[in-house]
Amino acid sequence: MNAFRAALMAFLGFILLLPVVASAQQTDTQKPTRIVTKGVSVGGGLRLDIHAPITVKRQSFFKPGKKAPVLMYVHGGGWIKGSREKIYNLDKFATQRGWMLVSVQYTPVPRTNIDGQVRDIVRQINWVRNNISRYGGDKRKIVIMGHSAGSHLVSLIAAKRLGGPLRGVIANDVQAYDMVAYGGMRGSLPHVYAAAFGSNPNNWVKWSPVTYVRRGPAGGLPPFMIMYSGSNYDRRKTLARGFAGDLRSKGARVTLFDGRRYSHGSIARGIGTSSQVTLAVERFLRRAFR
């Protein structure tokens, strides 16, 4: 009898809990903020992550989802390390504004060199252009953005005109726009730069974005936003503004962001958290995605 009573009480307790569990599940599904698809294979051993706003989801047969402009992000890590998962606050920043964030990866040095890293990223840009509509992205509206080493790589890709038609480039805080000038300012390369660029000055020229801007024709370059932090401020400002001047001489529209109040890390973390950085980046992107 005691066993029967215990079983009955347990069953009644389970019945009473059902509405609570169902309600919690309904709350979770009623207010999704974004759709995340991680580890999408693009071939060549490369994978990317897609963070889409919920607006791309089809509501019904008569209400298709809205295509979202695409912000492609290339991580930092001194060319020798880093992860596509280190996106700071960019996923929330993008999706809250109806944009899609695509975070890409590339093979680190010394498993490849900078040419190989460029090929990795270009492969993913091309994949996005050919496939992102299946995930709700707008293939006509692509901006590439990088921080640190990623900033150098997106600048090099755009300067060499390898990324196809781009709405814009955001280069967030790097000193590698002109490696000859950088090496001359310092007297020698720090370890992380030496590991990526080597000691041959010919490679410094070959892998400097400014080389291809100066040698290239006028016109055809996407709009640039060049950001520089307060870390080694005077040198960063000089190199960033020098690159901006070369871009402008070829007809490119350039927006400069003087981030003297920020460190090399906080200027990346600030997108989505610092009102000053967030507003500057948002303004550039809204114009680029029009």
C-alpha atoms as a PDB file:
ATOM      1  CA  MET A   1       0.000   0.000   0.000  1.00  0.00           C
ATOM      2  CA  ASN A   2       2.868   2.364   0.912  1.00  0.00           C
ATOM      3  CA  ALA A   3       4.564   1.603  -2.410  1.00  0.00           C
ATOM      4  CA  PHE A   4       1.349   2.354  -4.320  1.00  0.00           C
ATOM      5  CA  ARG A   5       0.866   5.630  -2.462  1.00  0.00           C
ATOM      6  CA  ALA A   6       4.455   6.712  -3.186  1.00  0.00           C
ATOM      7  CA  ALA A   7       4.071   5.891  -6.888  1.00  0.00           C
ATOM      8  CA  LEU A   8       0.780   7.834  -7.050  1.00  0.00           C
ATOM      9  CA  MET A   9       2.319  10.878  -5.396  1.00  0.00           C
ATOM     10  CA  ALA A  10       5.285  10.807  -7.787  1.00  0.00           C
ATOM     11  CA  PHE A  11       2.928  10.608 -10.794  1.00  0.00           C
ATOM     12  CA  LEU A  12       0.838  13.535  -9.554  1.00  0.00           C
ATOM     13  CA  GLY A  13       4.011  15.564  -8.974  1.00  0.00           C
ATOM     14  CA  PHE A  14       5.123  14.890 -12.565  1.00  0.00           C
ATOM     15  CA  ILE A  15       1.729  16.021 -13.929  1.00  0.00           C
ATOM     16  CA  LEU A  16       1.911  19.244 -11.932  1.00  0.00           C
ATOM     17  CA  LEU A  17       5.379  20.022 -13.306  1.00  0.00           C
ATOM     18  CA  LEU A  18       4.431  19.582 -16.979  1.00  0.00           C
ATOM     19  CA  PRO A  19       3.013  23.099 -17.546  1.00  0.00           C
ATOM     20  CA  VAL A  20       6.143  24.642 -15.991  1.00  0.00           C
ATOM     21  CA  VAL A  21       8.505  22.722 -18.281  1.00  0.00           C
ATOM     22  CA  ALA A  22       6.395  23.444 -21.365  1.00  0.00           C
ATOM     23  CA  SER A  23       6.232  27.130 -20.476  1.00  0.00           C
ATOM     24  CA  ALA A  24      10.015  27.358 -20.100  1.00  0.00           C
ATOM     25  CA  GLN A  25      10.543  25.723 -23.474  1.00  0.00           C
ATOM     26  CA  GLN A  26       8.001  28.034 -25.074  1.00  0.00           C
ATOM     27  CA  THR A  27       9.703  31.094 -23.601  1.00  0.00           C
ATOM     28  CA  ASP A  28      13.070  29.980 -24.951  1.00  0.00           C
ATOM     29  CA  THR A  29      11.702  29.442 -28.436  1.00  0.00           C
ATOM     30  CA  GLN A  30       9.563  32.572 -28.513  1.00  0.00           C
ATOM     31  CA  LYS A  31      12.470  35.001 -28.099  1.00  0.00           C
ATOM     32  CA  PRO A  32      15.481  33.757 -30.052  1.00  0.00           C
ATOM     33  CA  THR A  33      17.939  36.520 -30.814  1.00  0.00           C
ATOM     34  CA  ARG A  34      19.971  34.961 -33.614  1.00  0.00           C
ATOM     35  CA  ILE A  35      20.610  31.796 -35.583  1.00  0.00           C
ATOM     36  CA  VAL A  36      24.110  30.364 -35.148  1.00  0.00           C
ATOM     37  CA  THR A  37      25.592  27.792 -37.536  1.00  0.00           C
ATOM     38  CA  LYS A  38      29.090  26.734 -36.559  1.00  0.00           C
ATOM     39  CA  GLY A  39      31.772  24.800 -38.376  1.00  0.00           C
ATOM     40  CA  VAL A  40      30.448  25.129 -41.926  1.00  0.00           C
ATOM     41  CA  SER A  41      32.935  23.441 -44.256  1.00  0.00           C
ATOM     42  CA  VAL A  42      34.091  25.493 -47.239  1.00  0.00           C
ATOM     43  CA  GLY A  43      36.668  22.991 -48.523  1.00  0.00           C
ATOM     44  CA  GLY A  44      40.426  22.973 -48.180  1.00  0.00           C
ATOM     45  CA  GLY A  45      40.146  22.014 -44.516  1.00  0.00           C
ATOM     46  CA  LEU A  46      38.588  25.392 -43.701  1.00  0.00           C
ATOM     47  CA  ARG A  47      35.447  26.090 -41.690  1.00  0.00           C
ATOM     48  CA  LEU A  48      33.508  29.219 -40.817  1.00  0.00           C
ATOM     49  CA  ASP A  49      30.819  30.236 -38.337  1.00  0.00           C
ATOM     50  CA  ILE A  50      27.629  32.070 -39.305  1.00  0.00           C
ATOM     51  CA  HIS A  51      25.758  34.289 -36.837  1.00  0.00           C
ATOM     52  CA  ALA A  52      22.509  35.413 -38.461  1.00  0.00           C
ATOM     53  CA  PRO A  53      19.791  37.733 -37.145  1.00  0.00           C
ATOM     54  CA  ILE A  54      16.462  36.057 -36.516  1.00  0.00           C
ATOM     55  CA  THR A  55      14.960  38.207 -39.302  1.00  0.00           C
ATOM     56  CA  VAL A  56      16.446  35.842 -41.911  1.00  0.00           C
ATOM     57  CA  LYS A  57      14.115  33.062 -40.733  1.00  0.00           C
ATOM     58  CA  ARG A  58      11.040  32.487 -42.878  1.00  0.00           C
ATOM     59  CA  GLN A  59       7.888  33.308 -40.921  1.00  0.00           C
ATOM     60  CA  SER A  60       5.510  31.559 -43.300  1.00  0.00           C
ATOM     61  CA  PHE A  61       5.148  30.763 -46.977  1.00  0.00           C
ATOM     62  CA  PHE A  62       3.925  34.297 -47.569  1.00  0.00           C
ATOM     63  CA  LYS A  63       6.517  35.951 -45.309  1.00  0.00           C
ATOM     64  CA  PRO A  64      10.028  34.971 -46.425  1.00  0.00           C
ATOM     65  CA  GLY A  65      12.968  35.948 -44.286  1.00  0.00           C
ATOM     66  CA  LYS A  66      14.825  39.191 -44.935  1.00  0.00           C
ATOM     67  CA  LYS A  67      18.268  38.981 -46.536  1.00  0.00           C
ATOM     68  CA  ALA A  68      20.935  40.285 -44.173  1.00  0.00           C
ATOM     69  CA  PRO A  69      24.056  42.235 -45.164  1.00  0.00           C
ATOM     70  CA  VAL A  70      27.204  40.247 -44.364  1.00  0.00           C
ATOM     71  CA  LEU A  71      30.110  41.315 -42.169  1.00  0.00           C
ATOM     72  CA  MET A  72      32.990  38.851 -42.612  1.00  0.00           C
ATOM     73  CA  TYR A  73      35.473  38.847 -39.718  1.00  0.00           C
ATOM     74  CA  VAL A  74      39.125  37.773 -39.871  1.00  0.00           C
ATOM     75  CA  HIS A  75      40.648  37.180 -36.432  1.00  0.00           C
ATOM     76  CA  GLY A  76      44.005  38.356 -35.130  1.00  0.00           C
ATOM     77  CA  GLY A  77      46.786  36.418 -33.480  1.00  0.00           C
ATOM     78  CA  GLY A  78      49.992  37.700 -35.036  1.00  0.00           C
ATOM     79  CA  TRP A  79      49.596  35.469 -38.117  1.00  0.00           C
ATOM     80  CA  ILE A  80      50.799  32.528 -36.005  1.00  0.00           C
ATOM     81  CA  LYS A  81      47.751  31.750 -33.855  1.00  0.00           C
ATOM     82  CA  GLY A  82      44.149  32.759 -33.200  1.00  0.00           C
ATOM     83  CA  SER A  83      40.694  31.298 -33.675  1.00  0.00           C
ATOM     84  CA  ARG A  84      37.564  32.123 -35.643  1.00  0.00           C
ATOM     85  CA  GLU A  85      35.690  31.771 -32.347  1.00  0.00           C
ATOM     86  CA  LYS A  86      37.357  34.872 -30.870  1.00  0.00           C
ATOM     87  CA  ILE A  87      34.842  37.422 -32.097  1.00  0.00           C
ATOM     88  CA  TYR A  88      34.543  39.575 -28.972  1.00  0.00           C
ATOM     89  CA  ASN A  89      31.048  41.199 -29.100  1.00  0.00           C
ATOM     90  CA  LEU A  90      30.719  41.222 -32.880  1.00  0.00           C
ATOM     91  CA  ASP A  91      27.999  38.565 -33.046  1.00  0.00           C
ATOM     92  CA  LYS A  92      25.612  40.598 -30.891  1.00  0.00           C
ATOM     93  CA  PHE A  93      26.685  43.891 -32.439  1.00  0.00           C
ATOM     94  CA  ALA A  94      25.899  42.630 -35.945  1.00  0.00           C
ATOM     95  CA  THR A  95      22.755  40.589 -35.388  1.00  0.00           C
ATOM     96  CA  GLN A  96      21.064  43.227 -33.219  1.00  0.00           C
ATOM     97  CA  ARG A  97      21.301  45.556 -36.214  1.00  0.00           C
ATOM     98  CA  GLY A  98      19.947  43.027 -38.697  1.00  0.00           C
ATOM     99  CA  TRP A  99      23.348  42.114 -40.104  1.00  0.00           C
ATOM    100  CA  MET A 100      25.024  38.716 -40.399  1.00  0.00           C
ATOM    101  CA  LEU A 101      28.460  37.984 -38.945  1.00  0.00           C
ATOM    102  CA  VAL A 102      30.586  35.347 -40.681  1.00  0.00           C
ATOM    103  CA  SER A 103      33.767  34.491 -38.785  1.00  0.00           C
ATOM    104  CA  VAL A 104      36.476  32.804 -40.861  1.00  0.00           C
ATOM    105  CA  GLN A 105      39.725  30.988 -40.207  1.00  0.00           C
ATOM    106  CA  TYR A 106      43.094  30.715 -41.910  1.00  0.00           C
ATOM    107  CA  THR A 107      46.143  28.465 -41.656  1.00  0.00           C
ATOM    108  CA  PRO A 108      48.742  29.845 -39.229  1.00  0.00           C
ATOM    109  CA  VAL A 109      52.405  30.529 -39.941  1.00  0.00           C
ATOM    110  CA  PRO A 110      54.687  28.495 -40.189  1.00  0.00           C
ATOM    111  CA  ARG A 111      52.294  25.902 -41.636  1.00  0.00           C
ATOM    112  CA  THR A 112      51.815  28.377 -44.468  1.00  0.00           C
ATOM    113  CA  ASN A 113      52.945  31.910 -45.278  1.00  0.00           C
ATOM    114  CA  ILE A 114      51.033  35.124 -45.812  1.00  0.00           C
ATOM    115  CA  ASP A 115      50.274  34.198 -49.424  1.00  0.00           C
ATOM    116  CA  GLY A 116      48.630  31.008 -48.145  1.00  0.00           C
ATOM    117  CA  GLN A 117      46.625  32.921 -45.558  1.00  0.00           C
ATOM    118  CA  VAL A 118      45.366  35.283 -48.247  1.00  0.00           C
ATOM    119  CA  ARG A 119      44.288  32.301 -50.356  1.00  0.00           C
ATOM    120  CA  ASP A 120      42.433  30.817 -47.373  1.00  0.00           C
ATOM    121  CA  ILE A 121      40.472  33.991 -46.759  1.00  0.00           C
ATOM    122  CA  VAL A 122      39.728  34.643 -50.432  1.00  0.00           C
ATOM    123  CA  ARG A 123      38.408  31.086 -50.715  1.00  0.00           C
ATOM    124  CA  GLN A 124      35.951  31.859 -47.926  1.00  0.00           C
ATOM    125  CA  ILE A 125      34.910  35.204 -49.403  1.00  0.00           C
ATOM    126  CA  ASN A 126      34.125  33.418 -52.661  1.00  0.00           C
ATOM    127  CA  TRP A 127      32.242  30.681 -50.777  1.00  0.00           C
ATOM    128  CA  VAL A 128      30.147  33.297 -48.975  1.00  0.00           C
ATOM    129  CA  ARG A 129      29.330  35.078 -52.214  1.00  0.00           C
ATOM    130  CA  ASN A 130      28.202  31.796 -53.802  1.00  0.00           C
ATOM    131  CA  ASN A 131      26.411  30.226 -50.827  1.00  0.00           C
ATOM    132  CA  ILE A 132      25.396  32.729 -48.156  1.00  0.00           C
ATOM    133  CA  SER A 133      21.922  33.298 -49.613  1.00  0.00           C
ATOM    134  CA  ARG A 134      21.014  29.798 -48.387  1.00  0.00           C
ATOM    135  CA  TYR A 135      21.620  31.060 -44.844  1.00  0.00           C
ATOM    136  CA  GLY A 136      19.733  34.316 -45.330  1.00  0.00           C
ATOM    137  CA  GLY A 137      22.693  36.513 -46.261  1.00  0.00           C
ATOM    138  CA  ASP A 138      22.797  39.116 -49.004  1.00  0.00           C
ATOM    139  CA  LYS A 139      25.672  38.202 -51.347  1.00  0.00           C
ATOM    140  CA  ARG A 140      25.606  41.701 -52.856  1.00  0.00           C
ATOM    141  CA  LYS A 141      26.437  43.344 -49.515  1.00  0.00           C
ATOM    142  CA  ILE A 142      29.710  42.028 -48.114  1.00  0.00           C
ATOM    143  CA  VAL A 143      32.155  43.948 -45.912  1.00  0.00           C
ATOM    144  CA  ILE A 144      35.391  42.329 -44.726  1.00  0.00           C
ATOM    145  CA  MET A 145      36.800  43.257 -41.337  1.00  0.00           C
ATOM    146  CA  GLY A 146      39.905  42.212 -39.441  1.00  0.00           C
ATOM    147  CA  HIS A 147      41.646  42.956 -36.179  1.00  0.00           C
ATOM    148  CA  SER A 148      45.427  42.998 -35.738  1.00  0.00           C
ATOM    149  CA  ALA A 149      46.911  40.436 -38.174  1.00  0.00           C
ATOM    150  CA  GLY A 150      43.420  40.030 -39.628  1.00  0.00           C
ATOM    151  CA  SER A 151      43.424  43.769 -40.300  1.00  0.00           C
ATOM    152  CA  HIS A 152      46.569  43.399 -42.392  1.00  0.00           C
ATOM    153  CA  LEU A 153      45.157  40.426 -44.303  1.00  0.00           C
ATOM    154  CA  VAL A 154      41.857  42.082 -45.258  1.00  0.00           C
ATOM    155  CA  SER A 155      43.766  45.188 -46.348  1.00  0.00           C
ATOM    156  CA  LEU A 156      46.134  43.115 -48.471  1.00  0.00           C
ATOM    157  CA  ILE A 157      43.234  41.257 -50.106  1.00  0.00           C
ATOM    158  CA  ALA A 158      41.425  44.474 -50.971  1.00  0.00           C
ATOM    159  CA  ALA A 159      44.605  46.217 -52.172  1.00  0.00           C
ATOM    160  CA  LYS A 160      45.342  43.284 -54.501  1.00  0.00           C
ATOM    161  CA  ARG A 161      41.693  43.307 -55.624  1.00  0.00           C
ATOM    162  CA  LEU A 162      41.290  39.629 -54.775  1.00  0.00           C
ATOM    163  CA  GLY A 163      38.007  39.713 -52.881  1.00  0.00           C
ATOM    164  CA  GLY A 164      35.642  40.524 -55.706  1.00  0.00           C
ATOM    165  CA  PRO A 165      33.104  43.346 -55.319  1.00  0.00           C
ATOM    166  CA  LEU A 166      33.150  44.430 -51.671  1.00  0.00           C
ATOM    167  CA  ARG A 167      31.038  47.093 -49.984  1.00  0.00           C
ATOM    168  CA  GLY A 168      33.849  47.991 -47.616  1.00  0.00           C
ATOM    169  CA  VAL A 169      36.914  47.040 -45.561  1.00  0.00           C
ATOM    170  CA  ILE A 170      37.409  47.661 -41.826  1.00  0.00           C
ATOM    171  CA  ALA A 171      41.066  47.442 -40.782  1.00  0.00           C
ATOM    172  CA  ASN A 172      41.170  47.537 -36.993  1.00  0.00           C
ATOM    173  CA  ASP A 173      44.599  48.333 -35.559  1.00  0.00           C
ATOM    174  CA  VAL A 174      47.708  46.934 -37.214  1.00  0.00           C
ATOM    175  CA  GLN A 175      51.101  48.362 -38.167  1.00  0.00           C
ATOM    176  CA  ALA A 176      51.809  46.175 -41.214  1.00  0.00           C
ATOM    177  CA  TYR A 177      50.397  48.353 -43.983  1.00  0.00           C
ATOM    178  CA  ASP A 178      53.923  49.313 -45.059  1.00  0.00           C
ATOM    179  CA  MET A 179      56.488  46.875 -43.692  1.00  0.00           C
ATOM    180  CA  VAL A 180      59.495  48.782 -45.018  1.00  0.00           C
ATOM    181  CA  ALA A 181      58.365  51.935 -43.218  1.00  0.00           C
ATOM    182  CA  TYR A 182      57.503  49.962 -40.091  1.00  0.00           C
ATOM    183  CA  GLY A 183      60.878  48.231 -40.005  1.00  0.00           C
ATOM    184  CA  GLY A 184      62.633  51.559 -40.515  1.00  0.00           C
ATOM    185  CA  MET A 185      60.743  53.164 -37.644  1.00  0.00           C
ATOM    186  CA  ARG A 186      61.579  50.362 -35.224  1.00  0.00           C
ATOM    187  CA  GLY A 187      65.054  49.503 -36.456  1.00  0.00           C
ATOM    188  CA  SER A 188      64.152  45.803 -36.401  1.00  0.00           C
ATOM    189  CA  LEU A 189      61.049  43.615 -36.455  1.00  0.00           C
ATOM    190  CA  PRO A 190      59.609  42.241 -33.234  1.00  0.00           C
ATOM    191  CA  HIS A 191      59.457  38.463 -32.940  1.00  0.00           C
ATOM    192  CA  VAL A 192      55.852  38.055 -34.056  1.00  0.00           C
ATOM    193  CA  TYR A 193      56.389  40.152 -37.181  1.00  0.00           C
ATOM    194  CA  ALA A 194      59.699  38.463 -37.971  1.00  0.00           C
ATOM    195  CA  ALA A 195      58.031  35.049 -37.719  1.00  0.00           C
ATOM    196  CA  ALA A 196      55.421  36.044 -40.300  1.00  0.00           C
ATOM    197  CA  PHE A 197      57.370  38.338 -42.646  1.00  0.00           C
ATOM    198  CA  GLY A 198      60.896  36.943 -42.296  1.00  0.00           C
ATOM    199  CA  SER A 199      64.116  38.892 -42.778  1.00  0.00           C
ATOM    200  CA  ASN A 200      64.007  39.305 -46.573  1.00  0.00           C
ATOM    201  CA  PRO A 201      63.015  42.907 -47.420  1.00  0.00           C
ATOM    202  CA  ASN A 202      61.588  41.677 -50.729  1.00  0.00           C
ATOM    203  CA  ASN A 203      58.919  39.840 -48.747  1.00  0.00           C
ATOM    204  CA  TRP A 204      58.263  42.962 -46.708  1.00  0.00           C
ATOM    205  CA  VAL A 205      57.423  44.758 -49.937  1.00  0.00           C
ATOM    206  CA  LYS A 206      55.506  41.782 -51.355  1.00  0.00           C
ATOM    207  CA  TRP A 207      53.253  41.457 -48.305  1.00  0.00           C
ATOM    208  CA  SER A 208      52.620  45.153 -47.671  1.00  0.00           C
ATOM    209  CA  PRO A 209      49.142  46.349 -48.726  1.00  0.00           C
ATOM    210  CA  VAL A 210      50.548  49.762 -49.627  1.00  0.00           C
ATOM    211  CA  THR A 211      52.625  48.172 -52.417  1.00  0.00           C
ATOM    212  CA  TYR A 212      49.529  47.203 -54.399  1.00  0.00           C
ATOM    213  CA  VAL A 213      47.718  50.455 -53.764  1.00  0.00           C
ATOM    214  CA  ARG A 214      50.672  52.454 -55.105  1.00  0.00           C
ATOM    215  CA  ARG A 215      51.218  50.181 -58.102  1.00  0.00           C
ATOM    216  CA  GLY A 216      47.554  49.688 -58.920  1.00  0.00           C
ATOM    217  CA  PRO A 217      45.307  51.804 -61.105  1.00  0.00           C
ATOM    218  CA  ALA A 218      43.156  54.598 -59.806  1.00  0.00           C
ATOM    219  CA  GLY A 219      39.636  53.589 -58.875  1.00  0.00           C
ATOM    220  CA  GLY A 220      38.151  50.217 -58.103  1.00  0.00           C
ATOM    221  CA  LEU A 221      39.093  50.087 -54.418  1.00  0.00           C
ATOM    222  CA  PRO A 222      36.315  49.624 -51.832  1.00  0.00           C
ATOM    223  CA  PRO A 223      35.718  52.154 -49.059  1.00  0.00           C
ATOM    224  CA  PHE A 224      38.077  51.678 -46.103  1.00  0.00           C
ATOM    225  CA  MET A 225      37.715  52.307 -42.397  1.00  0.00           C
ATOM    226  CA  ILE A 226      41.148  52.372 -40.754  1.00  0.00           C
ATOM    227  CA  MET A 227      41.231  52.238 -36.965  1.00  0.00           C
ATOM    228  CA  TYR A 228      44.291  52.718 -34.768  1.00  0.00           C
ATOM    229  CA  SER A 229      44.695  52.465 -31.016  1.00  0.00           C
ATOM    230  CA  GLY A 230      46.816  54.198 -28.395  1.00  0.00           C
ATOM    231  CA  SER A 231      49.299  51.307 -28.202  1.00  0.00           C
ATOM    232  CA  ASN A 232      52.532  52.771 -29.679  1.00  0.00           C
ATOM    233  CA  TYR A 233      50.226  55.600 -30.662  1.00  0.00           C
ATOM    234  CA  ASP A 234      52.501  57.856 -32.703  1.00  0.00           C
ATOM    235  CA  ARG A 235      53.799  55.023 -34.865  1.00  0.00           C
ATOM    236  CA  ARG A 236      50.378  53.480 -35.404  1.00  0.00           C
ATOM    237  CA  LYS A 237      48.894  56.848 -36.304  1.00  0.00           C
ATOM    238  CA  THR A 238      51.689  57.588 -38.788  1.00  0.00           C
ATOM    239  CA  LEU A 239      51.414  54.213 -40.522  1.00  0.00           C
ATOM    240  CA  ALA A 240      47.603  54.241 -40.596  1.00  0.00           C
ATOM    241  CA  ARG A 241      47.412  57.788 -41.933  1.00  0.00           C
ATOM    242  CA  GLY A 242      50.123  57.071 -44.488  1.00  0.00           C
ATOM    243  CA  PHE A 243      48.150  54.117 -45.824  1.00  0.00           C
ATOM    244  CA  ALA A 244      44.981  56.209 -45.828  1.00  0.00           C
ATOM    245  CA  GLY A 245      46.756  58.859 -47.901  1.00  0.00           C
ATOM    246  CA  ASP A 246      47.849  56.291 -50.496  1.00  0.00           C
ATOM    247  CA  LEU A 247      44.307  54.925 -50.714  1.00  0.00           C
ATOM    248  CA  ARG A 248      42.844  58.385 -51.169  1.00  0.00           C
ATOM    249  CA  SER A 249      45.378  59.162 -53.889  1.00  0.00           C
ATOM    250  CA  LYS A 250      43.807  56.293 -55.869  1.00  0.00           C
ATOM    251  CA  GLY A 251      40.290  57.520 -55.330  1.00  0.00           C
ATOM    252  CA  ALA A 252      39.239  55.364 -52.385  1.00  0.00           C
ATOM    253  CA  ARG A 253      36.945  56.754 -49.696  1.00  0.00           C
ATOM    254  CA  VAL A 254      38.672  56.410 -46.311  1.00  0.00           C
ATOM    255  CA  THR A 255      37.311  56.862 -42.788  1.00  0.00           C
ATOM    256  CA  LEU A 256      39.891  57.149 -39.999  1.00  0.00           C
ATOM    257  CA  PHE A 257      39.162  56.337 -36.360  1.00  0.00           C
ATOM    258  CA  ASP A 258      41.601  57.760 -33.828  1.00  0.00           C
ATOM    259  CA  GLY A 259      41.406  55.318 -30.929  1.00  0.00           C
ATOM    260  CA  ARG A 260      44.051  56.864 -28.707  1.00  0.00           C
ATOM    261  CA  ARG A 261      41.835  56.187 -25.682  1.00  0.00           C
ATOM    262  CA  TYR A 262      41.937  52.440 -26.351  1.00  0.00           C
ATOM    263  CA  SER A 263      44.550  49.696 -26.191  1.00  0.00           C
ATOM    264  CA  HIS A 264      45.194  47.194 -28.964  1.00  0.00           C
ATOM    265  CA  GLY A 265      42.778  44.805 -27.250  1.00  0.00           C
ATOM    266  CA  SER A 266      40.096  47.193 -26.072  1.00  0.00           C
ATOM    267  CA  ILE A 267      39.625  48.764 -29.503  1.00  0.00           C
ATOM    268  CA  ALA A 268      38.435  45.339 -30.651  1.00  0.00           C
ATOM    269  CA  ARG A 269      36.379  44.570 -27.541  1.00  0.00           C
ATOM    270  CA  GLY A 270      34.811  48.022 -27.734  1.00  0.00           C
ATOM    271  CA  ILE A 271      32.703  47.299 -30.799  1.00  0.00           C
ATOM    272  CA  GLY A 272      29.318  46.727 -29.218  1.00  0.00           C
ATOM    273  CA  THR A 273      30.324  47.902 -25.739  1.00  0.00           C
ATOM    274  CA  SER A 274      32.000  51.305 -26.086  1.00  0.00           C
ATOM    275  CA  SER A 275      29.658  53.960 -27.451  1.00  0.00           C
ATOM    276  CA  GLN A 276      32.451  55.806 -29.278  1.00  0.00           C
ATOM    277  CA  VAL A 277      33.859  52.778 -31.105  1.00  0.00           C
ATOM    278  CA  THR A 278      30.442  51.248 -31.714  1.00  0.00           C
ATOM    279  CA  LEU A 279      28.982  54.401 -33.231  1.00  0.00           C
ATOM    280  CA  ALA A 280      31.960  54.906 -35.565  1.00  0.00           C
ATOM    281  CA  VAL A 281      31.857  51.344 -36.879  1.00  0.00           C
ATOM    282  CA  GLU A 282      28.057  51.367 -37.137  1.00  0.00           C
ATOM    283  CA  ARG A 283      28.080  54.565 -39.186  1.00  0.00           C
ATOM    284  CA  PHE A 284      30.591  53.140 -41.630  1.00  0.00           C
ATOM    285  CA  LEU A 285      28.648  49.897 -42.022  1.00  0.00           C
ATOM    286  CA  ARG A 286      25.268  51.568 -42.448  1.00  0.00           C
ATOM    287  CA  ARG A 287      26.684  53.602 -45.306  1.00  0.00           C
ATOM    288  CA  ALA A 288      28.430  50.563 -46.806  1.00  0.00           C
ATOM    289  CA  PHE A 289      25.301  48.385 -46.636  1.00  0.00           C
ATOM    290  CA  ARG A 290      22.911  50.961 -48.169  1.00  0.00           C
END
